[in-house]
Amino acid sequence: MPSLDDIAELIAARRTGRGPLVVGVTGSVAVGKTTFAAALAKRLMRPPGATSVALVCTDGFLFDNATLEARGLTLRKGFPESYDAEALALTLAGLRRRATLVPAYSHVTYDIDPALAREIAPPEVLIVEGLGLHDPKAVGLDLLIYLEAEEADLEAWFTARFLALWRAAEHDPASFYARFRQMGEAETRAFAGDVWRIINLPNLRDHIGPARERADLVVRKGSDHRIEAVACRYDASRSSSSAGMSSLV
């Protein structure tokens, strides 16, 4: 059974020592990109001090809600056109050379939050997780990891996350999800299902999924979020190995 250790070893082998190795982690909404990226960072930093790692989330490069509304993109949040791809590319390029201010997003307010922005110094490995990475070369990635799972599992994970945020908003009127508190749990569950089918599933099939063919590593997750398989693509433009997909383990 493949493990996070196997993936960390592959990433470590790609380091050249000439500035940060920029690793992207993408996949469907609710596939677990943030959790996976954090676990990978922790593994790369073991033992403590072994490798300096920084995490960046592409959510910080979404256009703010006011801009999305003005452009008629409110219901397209997460689609390629809802991201400031130029700002993302410029920020990643800056992080290769100097400390850079990175914007951040709040899943509570469902908008960009300037108070959460932070300055990051160039690390040895920079992990960039989220959507908007469908063109890895355009944004300046050295390596792309694609997380995949069955669509039924993805929908179940999305619904569970939506319900958790809905419950947490009961005593937080500032939460974006507070507006849904007038609905009962069954109605909220049904609403989450509609959001998945109308917005997230088309985005996955039309825009996120094609990134799989550009990924260096494809990580298959089971219904319990465990890694079931890892496939490796060797890109001739970045490696002396021949192109194609092969099983890692």
Protein backbone atom coordinates (compact mmCIF):
# COMPACT_ATOMS: atom_id res chain seq x y z
CA MET A 1 0.00 0.00 0.00
CA PRO A 2 1.48 3.39 -1.00
CA SER A 3 1.98 5.98 1.69
CA LEU A 4 2.73 9.63 2.30
CA ASP A 5 6.35 8.58 2.91
CA ASP A 6 6.59 7.34 -0.70
CA ILE A 7 5.28 10.66 -2.00
CA ALA A 8 7.61 12.66 0.26
CA GLU A 9 10.59 10.66 -1.00
CA LEU A 10 9.67 11.40 -4.61
CA ILE A 11 9.39 15.10 -3.85
CA ALA A 12 12.69 15.13 -1.98
CA ALA A 13 14.34 13.50 -5.00
CA ARG A 14 13.13 16.37 -7.22
CA ARG A 15 14.85 19.04 -5.13
CA THR A 16 17.84 20.64 -6.79
CA GLY A 17 18.99 23.00 -4.06
CA ARG A 18 18.59 25.96 -6.42
CA GLY A 19 15.74 27.73 -4.67
CA PRO A 20 12.35 26.43 -3.58
CA LEU A 21 10.73 23.39 -5.16
CA VAL A 22 7.16 24.54 -5.83
CA VAL A 23 4.69 21.67 -5.48
CA GLY A 24 1.02 22.03 -6.36
CA VAL A 25 -1.74 19.92 -4.82
CA THR A 26 -5.10 20.01 -6.61
CA GLY A 27 -8.24 17.97 -7.09
CA SER A 28 -11.97 18.25 -6.57
CA VAL A 29 -13.67 20.42 -4.00
CA ALA A 30 -13.75 18.41 -0.72
CA VAL A 31 -11.17 15.83 -1.83
CA GLY A 32 -8.99 16.81 1.14
CA LYS A 33 -6.33 19.01 -0.46
CA THR A 34 -5.69 21.11 2.65
CA THR A 35 -5.40 18.09 4.95
CA PHE A 36 -3.17 16.24 2.50
CA ALA A 37 -0.90 19.25 1.97
CA ALA A 38 -0.51 19.80 5.72
CA ALA A 39 0.31 16.11 6.28
CA LEU A 40 2.82 16.16 3.42
CA ALA A 41 4.48 19.29 4.82
CA LYS A 42 4.75 17.66 8.24
CA ARG A 43 6.32 14.56 6.69
CA LEU A 44 8.85 16.63 4.70
CA MET A 45 9.86 18.48 7.86
CA ARG A 46 10.59 15.25 9.74
CA PRO A 47 12.90 15.15 11.60
CA PRO A 48 12.41 18.77 12.72
CA GLY A 49 14.61 21.11 10.74
CA ALA A 50 15.24 18.58 7.97
CA THR A 51 13.46 20.61 5.27
CA SER A 52 11.86 24.03 5.48
CA VAL A 53 8.33 23.92 4.06
CA ALA A 54 5.71 26.64 3.56
CA LEU A 55 2.05 26.22 2.65
CA VAL A 56 0.02 28.51 0.42
CA CYS A 57 -3.68 28.10 -0.42
CA THR A 58 -4.94 29.29 -3.80
CA ASP A 59 -8.19 30.43 -2.16
CA GLY A 60 -6.31 33.61 -1.28
CA PHE A 61 -6.13 34.38 -5.00
CA LEU A 62 -9.86 34.25 -5.61
CA PHE A 63 -11.27 37.61 -6.60
CA ASP A 64 -13.14 39.08 -3.63
CA ASN A 65 -16.91 38.70 -3.49
CA ALA A 66 -17.57 42.26 -4.62
CA THR A 67 -15.47 41.73 -7.75
CA LEU A 68 -17.09 38.37 -8.46
CA GLU A 69 -20.54 39.91 -8.13
CA ALA A 70 -19.64 42.80 -10.41
CA ARG A 71 -18.41 40.33 -13.03
CA GLY A 72 -21.42 38.04 -12.72
CA LEU A 73 -19.27 35.25 -11.30
CA THR A 74 -20.83 34.76 -7.87
CA LEU A 75 -22.03 31.26 -8.78
CA ARG A 76 -18.73 30.52 -10.55
CA LYS A 77 -16.51 30.77 -7.48
CA GLY A 78 -13.87 28.08 -7.81
CA PHE A 79 -14.03 28.06 -11.61
CA PRO A 80 -10.86 29.20 -13.43
CA GLU A 81 -12.20 32.67 -14.20
CA SER A 82 -12.81 33.37 -10.49
CA TYR A 83 -9.06 33.32 -9.73
CA ASP A 84 -6.48 36.04 -10.25
CA ALA A 85 -4.06 33.72 -12.04
CA GLU A 86 -1.62 36.54 -12.76
CA ALA A 87 -1.36 37.47 -9.07
CA LEU A 88 -0.84 33.81 -8.16
CA ALA A 89 1.95 33.39 -10.71
CA LEU A 90 3.64 36.64 -9.61
CA THR A 91 3.44 35.65 -5.94
CA LEU A 92 4.95 32.20 -6.55
CA ALA A 93 7.71 33.76 -8.65
CA GLY A 94 8.40 36.24 -5.84
CA LEU A 95 8.59 33.47 -3.25
CA ARG A 96 11.46 31.92 -5.17
CA ARG A 97 13.60 34.98 -4.43
CA ARG A 98 12.35 36.94 -1.42
CA ALA A 99 9.91 37.20 1.44
CA THR A 100 6.49 37.87 -0.08
CA LEU A 101 3.08 38.87 1.26
CA VAL A 102 0.52 36.14 0.53
CA PRO A 103 -3.23 36.92 0.63
CA ALA A 104 -5.67 34.62 2.44
CA TYR A 105 -9.31 33.58 2.37
CA SER A 106 -11.78 32.96 5.19
CA HIS A 107 -14.10 29.97 4.88
CA VAL A 108 -16.17 31.48 7.67
CA THR A 109 -16.95 34.77 5.89
CA TYR A 110 -16.58 33.14 2.47
CA ASP A 111 -14.41 36.02 1.23
CA ILE A 112 -10.85 37.32 1.06
CA ASP A 113 -9.74 38.48 4.52
CA PRO A 114 -6.86 41.02 4.48
CA ALA A 115 -6.28 40.40 8.20
CA LEU A 116 -5.21 36.84 7.41
CA ALA A 117 -2.52 37.81 4.88
CA ARG A 118 0.99 36.75 5.94
CA GLU A 119 4.56 37.24 4.80
CA ILE A 120 6.39 34.06 3.81
CA ALA A 121 10.13 33.70 3.31
CA PRO A 122 11.40 31.41 0.52
CA PRO A 123 11.36 27.83 1.87
CA GLU A 124 13.10 24.76 0.48
CA VAL A 125 9.71 23.32 -0.51
CA LEU A 126 6.64 25.45 -1.19
CA ILE A 127 3.36 23.53 -1.27
CA VAL A 128 0.53 25.32 -3.09
CA GLU A 129 -2.85 23.67 -2.56
CA GLY A 130 -6.25 24.38 -4.00
CA LEU A 131 -8.03 25.00 -7.28
CA GLY A 132 -6.80 27.25 -10.06
CA LEU A 133 -3.81 24.99 -10.77
CA HIS A 134 -5.18 23.49 -13.99
CA ASP A 135 -2.23 24.97 -15.94
CA PRO A 136 0.79 24.16 -13.72
CA LYS A 137 3.40 25.72 -15.99
CA ALA A 138 1.48 28.99 -16.32
CA VAL A 139 1.43 29.56 -12.56
CA GLY A 140 5.01 28.37 -12.08
CA LEU A 141 4.78 24.92 -10.48
CA ASP A 142 7.70 22.48 -10.57
CA LEU A 143 5.53 19.49 -9.76
CA LEU A 144 1.77 18.88 -9.58
CA ILE A 145 -0.03 16.31 -7.41
CA TYR A 146 -3.61 15.47 -8.33
CA LEU A 147 -5.90 13.92 -5.69
CA GLU A 148 -8.78 11.81 -6.99
CA ALA A 149 -11.64 9.78 -5.53
CA GLU A 150 -14.99 8.37 -6.58
CA GLU A 151 -17.54 11.09 -7.33
CA ALA A 152 -19.95 9.60 -4.79
CA ASP A 153 -17.29 9.91 -2.07
CA LEU A 154 -16.52 13.48 -3.10
CA GLU A 155 -20.19 14.44 -2.84
CA ALA A 156 -20.46 12.80 0.58
CA TRP A 157 -17.36 14.63 1.83
CA PHE A 158 -18.63 17.95 0.48
CA THR A 159 -22.01 17.49 2.14
CA ALA A 160 -20.39 16.55 5.47
CA ARG A 161 -18.19 19.65 5.34
CA PHE A 162 -21.14 21.89 4.44
CA LEU A 163 -23.17 20.52 7.34
CA ALA A 164 -20.26 21.01 9.76
CA LEU A 165 -19.95 24.67 8.75
CA TRP A 166 -23.74 25.06 8.95
CA ARG A 167 -23.78 23.67 12.51
CA ALA A 168 -20.83 25.87 13.54
CA ALA A 169 -22.71 28.96 12.31
CA GLU A 170 -25.52 28.46 14.85
CA HIS A 171 -23.79 30.80 17.31
CA ASP A 172 -21.78 32.84 14.79
CA PRO A 173 -23.89 35.41 12.93
CA ALA A 174 -20.77 36.59 11.06
CA SER A 175 -20.45 33.22 9.37
CA PHE A 176 -21.46 32.97 5.72
CA TYR A 177 -23.35 29.81 6.66
CA ALA A 178 -25.54 31.63 9.20
CA ARG A 179 -27.89 32.52 6.33
CA PHE A 180 -28.76 28.86 6.01
CA ARG A 181 -29.64 28.36 9.68
CA GLN A 182 -33.35 28.90 8.99
CA MET A 183 -33.30 25.58 7.17
CA GLY A 184 -33.57 22.26 8.96
CA GLU A 185 -30.81 19.66 8.67
CA ALA A 186 -32.58 17.60 6.01
CA GLU A 187 -33.20 20.71 3.90
CA THR A 188 -29.61 21.81 4.36
CA ARG A 189 -28.36 18.39 3.29
CA ALA A 190 -30.53 18.56 0.18
CA PHE A 191 -29.29 22.10 -0.56
CA ALA A 192 -25.67 20.94 -0.26
CA GLY A 193 -26.46 18.18 -2.74
CA ASP A 194 -27.85 20.74 -5.19
CA VAL A 195 -24.70 22.89 -4.82
CA TRP A 196 -22.59 19.84 -5.53
CA ARG A 197 -24.53 18.80 -8.65
CA ILE A 198 -25.07 22.28 -10.10
CA ILE A 199 -21.69 23.91 -9.33
CA ASN A 200 -18.97 21.63 -8.01
CA LEU A 201 -19.51 18.56 -10.17
CA PRO A 202 -19.51 20.48 -13.49
CA ASN A 203 -16.38 22.35 -12.33
CA LEU A 204 -14.73 19.02 -11.53
CA ARG A 205 -15.59 17.43 -14.85
CA ASP A 206 -14.93 20.43 -17.08
CA HIS A 207 -12.01 22.22 -15.41
CA ILE A 208 -10.44 20.46 -12.42
CA GLY A 209 -10.41 16.90 -13.75
CA PRO A 210 -8.36 17.69 -16.89
CA ALA A 211 -5.47 18.74 -14.59
CA ARG A 212 -5.06 15.01 -13.88
CA GLU A 213 -3.46 14.58 -17.30
CA ARG A 214 -0.91 17.31 -16.48
CA ALA A 215 -0.07 16.00 -13.02
CA ASP A 216 3.27 14.42 -12.11
CA LEU A 217 1.65 12.33 -9.37
CA VAL A 218 -1.92 11.08 -9.21
CA VAL A 219 -3.01 10.01 -5.72
CA ARG A 220 -6.10 7.81 -5.47
CA LYS A 221 -8.07 8.05 -2.21
CA GLY A 222 -10.58 5.56 -0.82
CA SER A 223 -13.87 6.33 0.89
CA ASP A 224 -12.01 6.58 4.23
CA HIS A 225 -9.57 9.15 2.78
CA ARG A 226 -6.70 6.66 2.87
CA ILE A 227 -4.27 6.56 -0.04
CA GLU A 228 -5.05 3.53 -2.19
CA ALA A 229 -2.71 4.07 -5.13
CA VAL A 230 -0.16 6.51 -6.50
CA ALA A 231 0.77 6.82 -10.16
CA CYS A 232 3.76 8.79 -11.37
CA ARG A 233 4.11 10.64 -14.65
CA TYR A 234 7.60 11.42 -15.86
CA ASP A 235 7.62 14.60 -17.88
CA ALA A 236 10.37 14.60 -20.50
CA SER A 237 10.55 18.40 -20.34
CA ARG A 238 11.57 18.24 -16.68
CA SER A 239 13.13 14.80 -16.34
CA SER A 240 15.48 12.52 -18.24
CA SER A 241 12.95 9.70 -17.88
CA SER A 242 10.48 8.91 -20.64
CA ALA A 243 6.95 10.33 -20.47
CA GLY A 244 4.00 8.24 -19.33
CA MET A 245 2.25 7.00 -16.22
CA SER A 246 3.53 4.17 -14.06
CA SER A 247 2.47 2.76 -10.72
CA LEU A 248 4.60 4.01 -7.87
CA VAL A 249 3.99 0.97 -5.68
